[in-house]
Amino acid sequence: MPERMPPAMLPGDTVLWSADIQRMITAAALEAAKAVRDDAIKADDVEDMVEAGIQRFLDRVGIDDIPAFRKDLSAMRAARETREALISHGLKAVVTVLLGGICTAIWLAIKGAK
């Protein structure tokens, strides 16, 4: 394919054909993509950042012994479950006593007890 000459070329003018421009754009895009890929955060980097963040948080709140902290959480859970069970059983006991007293009063009224 013969090259076409642009009209009125002046000294120092540069001619860029669309195919050349397209090649330059593609090369620039590929180079940019490579730079982004090289600078991207890796999974190991994320894991290290998370570990450091967790350790920093634990240091700030004063937790230095993780196994002891887990035991404390387990003890708090057991205490909460015990409290909930006591409330539930206590409520059932109160209702049972009240119903028993009401039924006894009704029965004594029917029997005519003095």
PDB file of N, CA and C in Angstrom:
ATOM      1  N   MET A   1       0.855  -1.168   0.000  1.00  0.00           N
ATOM      2  CA  MET A   1       0.000   0.000   0.000  1.00  0.00           C
ATOM      3  C   MET A   1       0.903   1.233   0.000  1.00  0.00           C
ATOM      4  N   PRO A   2       0.780   2.095  -0.947  1.00  0.00           N
ATOM      5  CA  PRO A   2       1.648   3.279  -1.026  1.00  0.00           C
ATOM      6  C   PRO A   2       1.291   4.263   0.076  1.00  0.00           C
ATOM      7  N   GLU A   3       2.321   4.912   0.603  1.00  0.00           N
ATOM      8  CA  GLU A   3       2.076   5.901   1.648  1.00  0.00           C
ATOM      9  C   GLU A   3       1.491   7.157   1.023  1.00  0.00           C
ATOM     10  N   ARG A   4       0.563   7.713   1.743  1.00  0.00           N
ATOM     11  CA  ARG A   4      -0.040   8.960   1.269  1.00  0.00           C
ATOM     12  C   ARG A   4       0.676  10.129   1.916  1.00  0.00           C
ATOM     13  N   MET A   5       0.853  11.154   1.229  1.00  0.00           N
ATOM     14  CA  MET A   5       1.493  12.348   1.760  1.00  0.00           C
ATOM     15  C   MET A   5       0.403  13.317   2.215  1.00  0.00           C
ATOM     16  N   PRO A   6       0.539  13.815   3.413  1.00  0.00           N
ATOM     17  CA  PRO A   6      -0.451  14.801   3.856  1.00  0.00           C
ATOM     18  C   PRO A   6      -0.267  16.103   3.098  1.00  0.00           C
ATOM     19  N   PRO A   7      -1.303  16.862   3.004  1.00  0.00           N
ATOM     20  CA  PRO A   7      -1.196  18.130   2.272  1.00  0.00           C
ATOM     21  C   PRO A   7      -0.366  19.158   3.034  1.00  0.00           C
ATOM     22  N   ALA A   8       0.347  19.955   2.346  1.00  0.00           N
ATOM     23  CA  ALA A   8       1.097  21.107   2.856  1.00  0.00           C
ATOM     24  C   ALA A   8       1.974  20.760   4.032  1.00  0.00           C
ATOM     25  N   MET A   9       2.975  19.920   3.821  1.00  0.00           N
ATOM     26  CA  MET A   9       3.934  19.582   4.878  1.00  0.00           C
ATOM     27  C   MET A   9       4.904  20.744   5.015  1.00  0.00           C
ATOM     28  N   LEU A  10       5.122  21.159   6.221  1.00  0.00           N
ATOM     29  CA  LEU A  10       6.079  22.210   6.506  1.00  0.00           C
ATOM     30  C   LEU A  10       7.311  21.586   7.143  1.00  0.00           C
ATOM     31  N   PRO A  11       8.433  22.233   7.055  1.00  0.00           N
ATOM     32  CA  PRO A  11       9.619  21.682   7.711  1.00  0.00           C
ATOM     33  C   PRO A  11       9.381  21.557   9.215  1.00  0.00           C
ATOM     34  N   GLY A  12       9.753  20.404   9.789  1.00  0.00           N
ATOM     35  CA  GLY A  12       9.561  20.152  11.216  1.00  0.00           C
ATOM     36  C   GLY A  12       8.243  19.489  11.547  1.00  0.00           C
ATOM     37  N   ASP A  13       7.306  19.390  10.584  1.00  0.00           N
ATOM     38  CA  ASP A  13       6.037  18.706  10.835  1.00  0.00           C
ATOM     39  C   ASP A  13       6.284  17.210  10.930  1.00  0.00           C
ATOM     40  N   THR A  14       5.495  16.551  11.736  1.00  0.00           N
ATOM     41  CA  THR A  14       5.591  15.103  11.900  1.00  0.00           C
ATOM     42  C   THR A  14       4.277  14.483  11.475  1.00  0.00           C
ATOM     43  N   VAL A  15       4.374  13.369  10.788  1.00  0.00           N
ATOM     44  CA  VAL A  15       3.179  12.661  10.331  1.00  0.00           C
ATOM     45  C   VAL A  15       3.062  11.377  11.137  1.00  0.00           C
ATOM     46  N   LEU A  16       1.905  11.174  11.759  1.00  0.00           N
ATOM     47  CA  LEU A  16       1.622   9.924  12.463  1.00  0.00           C
ATOM     48  C   LEU A  16       0.389   9.309  11.834  1.00  0.00           C
ATOM     49  N   TRP A  17       0.549   8.113  11.357  1.00  0.00           N
ATOM     50  CA  TRP A  17      -0.575   7.400  10.782  1.00  0.00           C
ATOM     51  C   TRP A  17      -1.383   6.766  11.903  1.00  0.00           C
ATOM     52  N   SER A  18      -2.653   6.523  11.668  1.00  0.00           N
ATOM     53  CA  SER A  18      -3.541   5.970  12.698  1.00  0.00           C
ATOM     54  C   SER A  18      -3.054   4.605  13.190  1.00  0.00           C
ATOM     55  N   ALA A  19      -2.460   3.808  12.326  1.00  0.00           N
ATOM     56  CA  ALA A  19      -1.933   2.506  12.756  1.00  0.00           C
ATOM     57  C   ALA A  19      -0.791   2.696  13.744  1.00  0.00           C
ATOM     58  N   ASP A  20       0.068   3.723  13.492  1.00  0.00           N
ATOM     59  CA  ASP A  20       1.157   4.009  14.422  1.00  0.00           C
ATOM     60  C   ASP A  20       0.614   4.485  15.763  1.00  0.00           C
ATOM     61  N   ILE A  21      -0.393   5.331  15.716  1.00  0.00           N
ATOM     62  CA  ILE A  21      -1.014   5.828  16.947  1.00  0.00           C
ATOM     63  C   ILE A  21      -1.629   4.670  17.724  1.00  0.00           C
ATOM     64  N   GLN A  22      -2.294   3.778  17.027  1.00  0.00           N
ATOM     65  CA  GLN A  22      -2.924   2.624  17.673  1.00  0.00           C
ATOM     66  C   GLN A  22      -1.863   1.753  18.342  1.00  0.00           C
ATOM     67  N   ARG A  23      -0.729   1.510  17.693  1.00  0.00           N
ATOM     68  CA  ARG A  23       0.348   0.722  18.274  1.00  0.00           C
ATOM     69  C   ARG A  23       0.913   1.395  19.519  1.00  0.00           C
ATOM     70  N   MET A  24       1.062   2.722  19.478  1.00  0.00           N
ATOM     71  CA  MET A  24       1.579   3.443  20.645  1.00  0.00           C
ATOM     72  C   MET A  24       0.592   3.362  21.816  1.00  0.00           C
ATOM     73  N   ILE A  25      -0.704   3.484  21.506  1.00  0.00           N
ATOM     74  CA  ILE A  25      -1.739   3.390  22.550  1.00  0.00           C
ATOM     75  C   ILE A  25      -1.723   1.999  23.178  1.00  0.00           C
ATOM     76  N   THR A  26      -1.651   0.976  22.351  1.00  0.00           N
ATOM     77  CA  THR A  26      -1.621  -0.395  22.859  1.00  0.00           C
ATOM     78  C   THR A  26      -0.393  -0.631  23.719  1.00  0.00           C
ATOM     79  N   ALA A  27       0.765  -0.171  23.262  1.00  0.00           N
ATOM     80  CA  ALA A  27       2.003  -0.347  24.035  1.00  0.00           C
ATOM     81  C   ALA A  27       1.908   0.376  25.374  1.00  0.00           C
ATOM     82  N   ALA A  28       1.359   1.583  25.382  1.00  0.00           N
ATOM     83  CA  ALA A  28       1.216   2.346  26.625  1.00  0.00           C
ATOM     84  C   ALA A  28       0.248   1.660  27.579  1.00  0.00           C
ATOM     85  N   ALA A  29      -0.855   1.135  27.041  1.00  0.00           N
ATOM     86  CA  ALA A  29      -1.834   0.446  27.875  1.00  0.00           C
ATOM     87  C   ALA A  29      -1.236  -0.815  28.484  1.00  0.00           C
ATOM     88  N   LEU A  30      -0.483  -1.569  27.689  1.00  0.00           N
ATOM     89  CA  LEU A  30       0.154  -2.782  28.212  1.00  0.00           C
ATOM     90  C   LEU A  30       1.179  -2.442  29.287  1.00  0.00           C
ATOM     91  N   GLU A  31       1.930  -1.404  29.085  1.00  0.00           N
ATOM     92  CA  GLU A  31       2.927  -0.974  30.070  1.00  0.00           C
ATOM     93  C   GLU A  31       2.248  -0.517  31.370  1.00  0.00           C
ATOM     94  N   ALA A  32       1.146   0.197  31.235  1.00  0.00           N
ATOM     95  CA  ALA A  32       0.400   0.644  32.417  1.00  0.00           C
ATOM     96  C   ALA A  32      -0.182  -0.547  33.169  1.00  0.00           C
ATOM     97  N   ALA A  33      -0.719  -1.510  32.435  1.00  0.00           N
ATOM     98  CA  ALA A  33      -1.279  -2.709  33.073  1.00  0.00           C
ATOM     99  C   ALA A  33      -0.193  -3.480  33.811  1.00  0.00           C
ATOM    100  N   LYS A  34       0.990  -3.576  33.212  1.00  0.00           N
ATOM    101  CA  LYS A  34       2.105  -4.263  33.861  1.00  0.00           C
ATOM    102  C   LYS A  34       2.514  -3.536  35.142  1.00  0.00           C
ATOM    103  N   ALA A  35       2.558  -2.220  35.100  1.00  0.00           N
ATOM    104  CA  ALA A  35       2.924  -1.436  36.282  1.00  0.00           C
ATOM    105  C   ALA A  35       1.897  -1.620  37.396  1.00  0.00           C
ATOM    106  N   VAL A  36       0.615  -1.637  37.042  1.00  0.00           N
ATOM    107  CA  VAL A  36      -0.439  -1.849  38.041  1.00  0.00           C
ATOM    108  C   VAL A  36      -0.313  -3.237  38.643  1.00  0.00           C
ATOM    109  N   ARG A  37      -0.070  -4.246  37.797  1.00  0.00           N
ATOM    110  CA  ARG A  37       0.067  -5.610  38.283  1.00  0.00           C
ATOM    111  C   ARG A  37       1.262  -5.744  39.226  1.00  0.00           C
ATOM    112  N   ASP A  38       2.372  -5.096  38.885  1.00  0.00           N
ATOM    113  CA  ASP A  38       3.566  -5.176  39.712  1.00  0.00           C
ATOM    114  C   ASP A  38       3.391  -4.462  41.046  1.00  0.00           C
ATOM    115  N   ASP A  39       2.610  -3.380  41.048  1.00  0.00           N
ATOM    116  CA  ASP A  39       2.407  -2.606  42.274  1.00  0.00           C
ATOM    117  C   ASP A  39       1.215  -3.077  43.095  1.00  0.00           C
ATOM    118  N   ALA A  40       0.445  -4.038  42.592  1.00  0.00           N
ATOM    119  CA  ALA A  40      -0.764  -4.488  43.286  1.00  0.00           C
ATOM    120  C   ALA A  40      -0.407  -5.156  44.608  1.00  0.00           C
ATOM    121  N   ILE A  41      -1.318  -5.060  45.554  1.00  0.00           N
ATOM    122  CA  ILE A  41      -1.122  -5.677  46.863  1.00  0.00           C
ATOM    123  C   ILE A  41      -1.304  -7.186  46.718  1.00  0.00           C
ATOM    124  N   LYS A  42      -0.366  -7.917  47.233  1.00  0.00           N
ATOM    125  CA  LYS A  42      -0.391  -9.377  47.170  1.00  0.00           C
ATOM    126  C   LYS A  42      -1.136  -9.931  48.391  1.00  0.00           C
ATOM    127  N   ALA A  43      -1.588 -11.163  48.302  1.00  0.00           N
ATOM    128  CA  ALA A  43      -2.328 -11.797  49.395  1.00  0.00           C
ATOM    129  C   ALA A  43      -1.471 -11.873  50.660  1.00  0.00           C
ATOM    130  N   ASP A  44      -0.196 -12.152  50.504  1.00  0.00           N
ATOM    131  CA  ASP A  44       0.693 -12.213  51.663  1.00  0.00           C
ATOM    132  C   ASP A  44       0.807 -10.848  52.339  1.00  0.00           C
ATOM    133  N   ASP A  45       0.829  -9.786  51.531  1.00  0.00           N
ATOM    134  CA  ASP A  45       0.893  -8.439  52.095  1.00  0.00           C
ATOM    135  C   ASP A  45      -0.354  -8.133  52.910  1.00  0.00           C
ATOM    136  N   VAL A  46      -1.511  -8.519  52.389  1.00  0.00           N
ATOM    137  CA  VAL A  46      -2.769  -8.289  53.099  1.00  0.00           C
ATOM    138  C   VAL A  46      -2.770  -9.060  54.412  1.00  0.00           C
ATOM    139  N   GLU A  47      -2.339 -10.313  54.372  1.00  0.00           N
ATOM    140  CA  GLU A  47      -2.311 -11.128  55.584  1.00  0.00           C
ATOM    141  C   GLU A  47      -1.381 -10.515  56.625  1.00  0.00           C
ATOM    142  N   ASP A  48      -0.219 -10.028  56.189  1.00  0.00           N
ATOM    143  CA  ASP A  48       0.715  -9.389  57.122  1.00  0.00           C
ATOM    144  C   ASP A  48       0.107  -8.127  57.731  1.00  0.00           C
ATOM    145  N   MET A  49      -0.595  -7.334  56.905  1.00  0.00           N
ATOM    146  CA  MET A  49      -1.224  -6.114  57.416  1.00  0.00           C
ATOM    147  C   MET A  49      -2.312  -6.438  58.436  1.00  0.00           C
ATOM    148  N   VAL A  50      -3.105  -7.472  58.159  1.00  0.00           N
ATOM    149  CA  VAL A  50      -4.167  -7.863  59.084  1.00  0.00           C
ATOM    150  C   VAL A  50      -3.571  -8.355  60.404  1.00  0.00           C
ATOM    151  N   GLU A  51      -2.538  -9.192  60.322  1.00  0.00           N
ATOM    152  CA  GLU A  51      -1.861  -9.679  61.536  1.00  0.00           C
ATOM    153  C   GLU A  51      -1.347  -8.511  62.366  1.00  0.00           C
ATOM    154  N   ALA A  52      -0.708  -7.551  61.701  1.00  0.00           N
ATOM    155  CA  ALA A  52      -0.169  -6.391  62.419  1.00  0.00           C
ATOM    156  C   ALA A  52      -1.292  -5.575  63.048  1.00  0.00           C
ATOM    157  N   GLY A  53      -2.391  -5.417  62.337  1.00  0.00           N
ATOM    158  CA  GLY A  53      -3.532  -4.673  62.873  1.00  0.00           C
ATOM    159  C   GLY A  53      -4.147  -5.351  64.082  1.00  0.00           C
ATOM    160  N   ILE A  54      -4.294  -6.659  64.010  1.00  0.00           N
ATOM    161  CA  ILE A  54      -4.850  -7.408  65.144  1.00  0.00           C
ATOM    162  C   ILE A  54      -3.923  -7.300  66.345  1.00  0.00           C
ATOM    163  N   GLN A  55      -2.622  -7.467  66.119  1.00  0.00           N
ATOM    164  CA  GLN A  55      -1.662  -7.378  67.217  1.00  0.00           C
ATOM    165  C   GLN A  55      -1.676  -5.981  67.840  1.00  0.00           C
ATOM    166  N   ARG A  56      -1.783  -4.968  66.998  1.00  0.00           N
ATOM    167  CA  ARG A  56      -1.839  -3.588  67.498  1.00  0.00           C
ATOM    168  C   ARG A  56      -3.091  -3.366  68.338  1.00  0.00           C
ATOM    169  N   PHE A  57      -4.226  -3.905  67.884  1.00  0.00           N
ATOM    170  CA  PHE A  57      -5.469  -3.791  68.648  1.00  0.00           C
ATOM    171  C   PHE A  57      -5.343  -4.497  69.991  1.00  0.00           C
ATOM    172  N   LEU A  58      -4.821  -5.725  69.974  1.00  0.00           N
ATOM    173  CA  LEU A  58      -4.679  -6.473  71.222  1.00  0.00           C
ATOM    174  C   LEU A  58      -3.749  -5.753  72.194  1.00  0.00           C
ATOM    175  N   ASP A  59      -2.690  -5.155  71.684  1.00  0.00           N
ATOM    176  CA  ASP A  59      -1.781  -4.398  72.543  1.00  0.00           C
ATOM    177  C   ASP A  59      -2.476  -3.193  73.156  1.00  0.00           C
ATOM    178  N   ARG A  60      -3.289  -2.511  72.367  1.00  0.00           N
ATOM    179  CA  ARG A  60      -3.977  -1.313  72.864  1.00  0.00           C
ATOM    180  C   ARG A  60      -5.013  -1.636  73.935  1.00  0.00           C
ATOM    181  N   VAL A  61      -5.708  -2.766  73.800  1.00  0.00           N
ATOM    182  CA  VAL A  61      -6.722  -3.106  74.804  1.00  0.00           C
ATOM    183  C   VAL A  61      -6.136  -3.913  75.954  1.00  0.00           C
ATOM    184  N   GLY A  62      -4.851  -4.213  75.884  1.00  0.00           N
ATOM    185  CA  GLY A  62      -4.174  -4.856  77.007  1.00  0.00           C
ATOM    186  C   GLY A  62      -4.304  -6.367  77.054  1.00  0.00           C
ATOM    187  N   ILE A  63      -4.538  -6.994  75.924  1.00  0.00           N
ATOM    188  CA  ILE A  63      -4.639  -8.454  75.877  1.00  0.00           C
ATOM    189  C   ILE A  63      -3.302  -8.982  75.390  1.00  0.00           C
ATOM    190  N   ASP A  64      -2.601  -9.668  76.298  1.00  0.00           N
ATOM    191  CA  ASP A  64      -1.290 -10.181  75.907  1.00  0.00           C
ATOM    192  C   ASP A  64      -1.229 -11.700  75.927  1.00  0.00           C
ATOM    193  N   ASP A  65      -2.267 -12.345  76.456  1.00  0.00           N
ATOM    194  CA  ASP A  65      -2.283 -13.805  76.536  1.00  0.00           C
ATOM    195  C   ASP A  65      -3.576 -14.309  75.891  1.00  0.00           C
ATOM    196  N   ILE A  66      -3.495 -14.729  74.649  1.00  0.00           N
ATOM    197  CA  ILE A  66      -4.689 -15.137  73.890  1.00  0.00           C
ATOM    198  C   ILE A  66      -5.386 -16.346  74.517  1.00  0.00           C
ATOM    199  N   PRO A  67      -4.673 -17.421  74.904  1.00  0.00           N
ATOM    200  CA  PRO A  67      -5.376 -18.550  75.527  1.00  0.00           C
ATOM    201  C   PRO A  67      -6.140 -18.150  76.796  1.00  0.00           C
ATOM    202  N   ALA A  68      -5.549 -17.281  77.617  1.00  0.00           N
ATOM    203  CA  ALA A  68      -6.253 -16.827  78.822  1.00  0.00           C
ATOM    204  C   ALA A  68      -7.476 -16.001  78.443  1.00  0.00           C
ATOM    205  N   PHE A  69      -7.356 -15.202  77.395  1.00  0.00           N
ATOM    206  CA  PHE A  69      -8.488 -14.400  76.931  1.00  0.00           C
ATOM    207  C   PHE A  69      -9.622 -15.303  76.452  1.00  0.00           C
ATOM    208  N   ARG A  70      -9.275 -16.378  75.751  1.00  0.00           N
ATOM    209  CA  ARG A  70     -10.305 -17.330  75.301  1.00  0.00           C
ATOM    210  C   ARG A  70     -11.007 -17.973  76.491  1.00  0.00           C
ATOM    211  N   LYS A  71     -10.244 -18.308  77.528  1.00  0.00           N
ATOM    212  CA  LYS A  71     -10.853 -18.885  78.737  1.00  0.00           C
ATOM    213  C   LYS A  71     -11.793 -17.872  79.395  1.00  0.00           C
ATOM    214  N   ASP A  72     -11.383 -16.611  79.420  1.00  0.00           N
ATOM    215  CA  ASP A  72     -12.239 -15.567  79.986  1.00  0.00           C
ATOM    216  C   ASP A  72     -13.545 -15.456  79.208  1.00  0.00           C
ATOM    217  N   LEU A  73     -13.446 -15.507  77.886  1.00  0.00           N
ATOM    218  CA  LEU A  73     -14.667 -15.443  77.066  1.00  0.00           C
ATOM    219  C   LEU A  73     -15.563 -16.648  77.312  1.00  0.00           C
ATOM    220  N   SER A  74     -14.955 -17.824  77.457  1.00  0.00           N
ATOM    221  CA  SER A  74     -15.743 -19.029  77.741  1.00  0.00           C
ATOM    222  C   SER A  74     -16.432 -18.910  79.092  1.00  0.00           C
ATOM    223  N   ALA A  75     -15.717 -18.372  80.079  1.00  0.00           N
ATOM    224  CA  ALA A  75     -16.312 -18.202  81.408  1.00  0.00           C
ATOM    225  C   ALA A  75     -17.462 -17.198  81.364  1.00  0.00           C
ATOM    226  N   MET A  76     -17.288 -16.124  80.585  1.00  0.00           N
ATOM    227  CA  MET A  76     -18.370 -15.142  80.463  1.00  0.00           C
ATOM    228  C   MET A  76     -19.582 -15.762  79.777  1.00  0.00           C
ATOM    229  N   ARG A  77     -19.352 -16.609  78.773  1.00  0.00           N
ATOM    230  CA  ARG A  77     -20.463 -17.280  78.100  1.00  0.00           C
ATOM    231  C   ARG A  77     -21.193 -18.208  79.074  1.00  0.00           C
ATOM    232  N   ALA A  78     -20.431 -18.961  79.855  1.00  0.00           N
ATOM    233  CA  ALA A  78     -21.041 -19.876  80.822  1.00  0.00           C
ATOM    234  C   ALA A  78     -21.855 -19.097  81.850  1.00  0.00           C
ATOM    235  N   ALA A  79     -21.331 -17.974  82.313  1.00  0.00           N
ATOM    236  CA  ALA A  79     -22.059 -17.150  83.281  1.00  0.00           C
ATOM    237  C   ALA A  79     -23.340 -16.601  82.657  1.00  0.00           C
ATOM    238  N   ARG A  80     -23.269 -16.180  81.408  1.00  0.00           N
ATOM    239  CA  ARG A  80     -24.469 -15.670  80.737  1.00  0.00           C
ATOM    240  C   ARG A  80     -25.517 -16.757  80.570  1.00  0.00           C
ATOM    241  N   GLU A  81     -25.086 -17.939  80.164  1.00  0.00           N
ATOM    242  CA  GLU A  81     -26.035 -19.049  79.991  1.00  0.00           C
ATOM    243  C   GLU A  81     -26.648 -19.452  81.323  1.00  0.00           C
ATOM    244  N   THR A  82     -25.853 -19.443  82.389  1.00  0.00           N
ATOM    245  CA  THR A  82     -26.374 -19.771  83.720  1.00  0.00           C
ATOM    246  C   THR A  82     -27.399 -18.741  84.159  1.00  0.00           C
ATOM    247  N   ARG A  83     -27.096 -17.459  83.958  1.00  0.00           N
ATOM    248  CA  ARG A  83     -28.033 -16.393  84.322  1.00  0.00           C
ATOM    249  C   ARG A  83     -29.345 -16.532  83.542  1.00  0.00           C
ATOM    250  N   GLU A  84     -29.254 -16.814  82.247  1.00  0.00           N
ATOM    251  CA  GLU A  84     -30.457 -16.986  81.443  1.00  0.00           C
ATOM    252  C   GLU A  84     -31.268 -18.179  81.922  1.00  0.00           C
ATOM    253  N   ALA A  85     -30.596 -19.272  82.280  1.00  0.00           N
ATOM    254  CA  ALA A  85     -31.293 -20.461  82.783  1.00  0.00           C
ATOM    255  C   ALA A  85     -31.969 -20.159  84.120  1.00  0.00           C
ATOM    256  N   LEU A  86     -31.270 -19.426  85.007  1.00  0.00           N
ATOM    257  CA  LEU A  86     -31.878 -19.068  86.300  1.00  0.00           C
ATOM    258  C   LEU A  86     -33.112 -18.202  86.112  1.00  0.00           C
ATOM    259  N   ILE A  87     -33.038 -17.237  85.219  1.00  0.00           N
ATOM    260  CA  ILE A  87     -34.196 -16.379  84.962  1.00  0.00           C
ATOM    261  C   ILE A  87     -35.354 -17.207  84.415  1.00  0.00           C
ATOM    262  N   SER A  88     -35.069 -18.078  83.467  1.00  0.00           N
ATOM    263  CA  SER A  88     -36.108 -18.905  82.863  1.00  0.00           C
ATOM    264  C   SER A  88     -36.739 -19.831  83.902  1.00  0.00           C
ATOM    265  N   HIS A  89     -35.904 -20.541  84.662  1.00  0.00           N
ATOM    266  CA  HIS A  89     -36.419 -21.474  85.659  1.00  0.00           C
ATOM    267  C   HIS A  89     -37.121 -20.731  86.800  1.00  0.00           C
ATOM    268  N   GLY A  90     -36.589 -19.578  87.190  1.00  0.00           N
ATOM    269  CA  GLY A  90     -37.223 -18.783  88.237  1.00  0.00           C
ATOM    270  C   GLY A  90     -38.600 -18.311  87.815  1.00  0.00           C
ATOM    271  N   LEU A  91     -38.721 -17.874  86.573  1.00  0.00           N
ATOM    272  CA  LEU A  91     -40.021 -17.421  86.071  1.00  0.00           C
ATOM    273  C   LEU A  91     -41.025 -18.585  86.052  1.00  0.00           C
ATOM    274  N   LYS A  92     -40.552 -19.744  85.622  1.00  0.00           N
ATOM    275  CA  LYS A  92     -41.430 -20.922  85.610  1.00  0.00           C
ATOM    276  C   LYS A  92     -41.852 -21.303  87.023  1.00  0.00           C
ATOM    277  N   ALA A  93     -40.946 -21.200  87.987  1.00  0.00           N
ATOM    278  CA  ALA A  93     -41.274 -21.531  89.384  1.00  0.00           C
ATOM    279  C   ALA A  93     -42.307 -20.561  89.940  1.00  0.00           C
ATOM    280  N   VAL A  94     -42.159 -19.266  89.657  1.00  0.00           N
ATOM    281  CA  VAL A  94     -43.124 -18.265  90.142  1.00  0.00           C
ATOM    282  C   VAL A  94     -44.493 -18.520  89.545  1.00  0.00           C
ATOM    283  N   VAL A  95     -44.555 -18.781  88.258  1.00  0.00           N
ATOM    284  CA  VAL A  95     -45.838 -19.057  87.603  1.00  0.00           C
ATOM    285  C   VAL A  95     -46.470 -20.313  88.189  1.00  0.00           C
ATOM    286  N   THR A  96     -45.657 -21.346  88.423  1.00  0.00           N
ATOM    287  CA  THR A  96     -46.176 -22.593  88.994  1.00  0.00           C
ATOM    288  C   THR A  96     -46.741 -22.362  90.386  1.00  0.00           C
ATOM    289  N   VAL A  97     -46.039 -21.616  91.233  1.00  0.00           N
ATOM    290  CA  VAL A  97     -46.528 -21.331  92.594  1.00  0.00           C
ATOM    291  C   VAL A  97     -47.807 -20.517  92.544  1.00  0.00           C
ATOM    292  N   LEU A  98     -47.851 -19.504  91.672  1.00  0.00           N
ATOM    293  CA  LEU A  98     -49.063 -18.693  91.570  1.00  0.00           C
ATOM    294  C   LEU A  98     -50.257 -19.519  91.090  1.00  0.00           C
ATOM    295  N   LEU A  99     -50.054 -20.318  90.049  1.00  0.00           N
ATOM    296  CA  LEU A  99     -51.158 -21.149  89.552  1.00  0.00           C
ATOM    297  C   LEU A  99     -51.581 -22.175  90.600  1.00  0.00           C
ATOM    298  N   GLY A 100     -50.611 -22.742  91.291  1.00  0.00           N
ATOM    299  CA  GLY A 100     -50.944 -23.705  92.356  1.00  0.00           C
ATOM    300  C   GLY A 100     -51.739 -23.047  93.468  1.00  0.00           C
ATOM    301  N   GLY A 101     -51.346 -21.841  93.853  1.00  0.00           N
ATOM    302  CA  GLY A 101     -52.081 -21.120  94.901  1.00  0.00           C
ATOM    303  C   GLY A 101     -53.486 -20.766  94.456  1.00  0.00           C
ATOM    304  N   ILE A 102     -53.633 -20.319  93.219  1.00  0.00           N
ATOM    305  CA  ILE A 102     -54.962 -19.969  92.705  1.00  0.00           C
ATOM    306  C   ILE A 102     -55.846 -21.208  92.630  1.00  0.00           C
ATOM    307  N   CYS A 103     -55.301 -22.308  92.113  1.00  0.00           N
ATOM    308  CA  CYS A 103     -56.080 -23.550  92.016  1.00  0.00           C
ATOM    309  C   CYS A 103     -56.458 -24.059  93.406  1.00  0.00           C
ATOM    310  N   THR A 104     -55.560 -23.956  94.379  1.00  0.00           N
ATOM    311  CA  THR A 104     -55.855 -24.384  95.753  1.00  0.00           C
ATOM    312  C   THR A 104     -56.952 -23.518  96.350  1.00  0.00           C
ATOM    313  N   ALA A 105     -56.895 -22.202  96.123  1.00  0.00           N
ATOM    314  CA  ALA A 105     -57.924 -21.308  96.657  1.00  0.00           C
ATOM    315  C   ALA A 105     -59.278 -21.630  96.044  1.00  0.00           C
ATOM    316  N   ILE A 106     -59.307 -21.898  94.722  1.00  0.00           N
ATOM    317  CA  ILE A 106     -60.570 -22.249  94.062  1.00  0.00           C
ATOM    318  C   ILE A 106     -61.104 -23.565  94.619  1.00  0.00           C
ATOM    319  N   TRP A 107     -60.234 -24.532  94.801  1.00  0.00           N
ATOM    320  CA  TRP A 107     -60.654 -25.841  95.313  1.00  0.00           C
ATOM    321  C   TRP A 107     -61.194 -25.729  96.731  1.00  0.00           C
ATOM    322  N   LEU A 108     -60.503 -24.940  97.570  1.00  0.00           N
ATOM    323  CA  LEU A 108     -60.977 -24.754  98.953  1.00  0.00           C
ATOM    324  C   LEU A 108     -62.304 -24.008  98.969  1.00  0.00           C
ATOM    325  N   ALA A 109     -62.502 -23.061  98.027  1.00  0.00           N
ATOM    326  CA  ALA A 109     -63.774 -22.325  97.980  1.00  0.00           C
ATOM    327  C   ALA A 109     -64.901 -23.253  97.563  1.00  0.00           C
ATOM    328  N   ILE A 110     -64.625 -24.171  96.638  1.00  0.00           N
ATOM    329  CA  ILE A 110     -65.658 -25.117  96.197  1.00  0.00           C
ATOM    330  C   ILE A 110     -65.990 -26.096  97.305  1.00  0.00           C
ATOM    331  N   LYS A 111     -64.997 -26.556  98.048  1.00  0.00           N
ATOM    332  CA  LYS A 111     -65.201 -27.515  99.123  1.00  0.00           C
ATOM    333  C   LYS A 111     -65.868 -26.858 100.329  1.00  0.00           C
ATOM    334  N   GLY A 112     -65.808 -25.552 100.407  1.00  0.00           N
ATOM    335  CA  GLY A 112     -66.417 -24.843 101.517  1.00  0.00           C
ATOM    336  C   GLY A 112     -65.558 -24.872 102.754  1.00  0.00           C
ATOM    337  N   ALA A 113     -64.288 -24.926 102.608  1.00  0.00           N
ATOM    338  CA  ALA A 113     -63.386 -24.967 103.759  1.00  0.00           C
ATOM    339  C   ALA A 113     -63.376 -23.631 104.453  1.00  0.00           C
ATOM    340  N   LYS A 114     -63.194 -23.722 105.823  1.00  0.00           N
ATOM    341  CA  LYS A 114     -63.211 -22.503 106.613  1.00  0.00           C
ATOM    342  C   LYS A 114     -61.867 -22.100 107.058  1.00  0.00           C
TER     343      LYS A 114
END
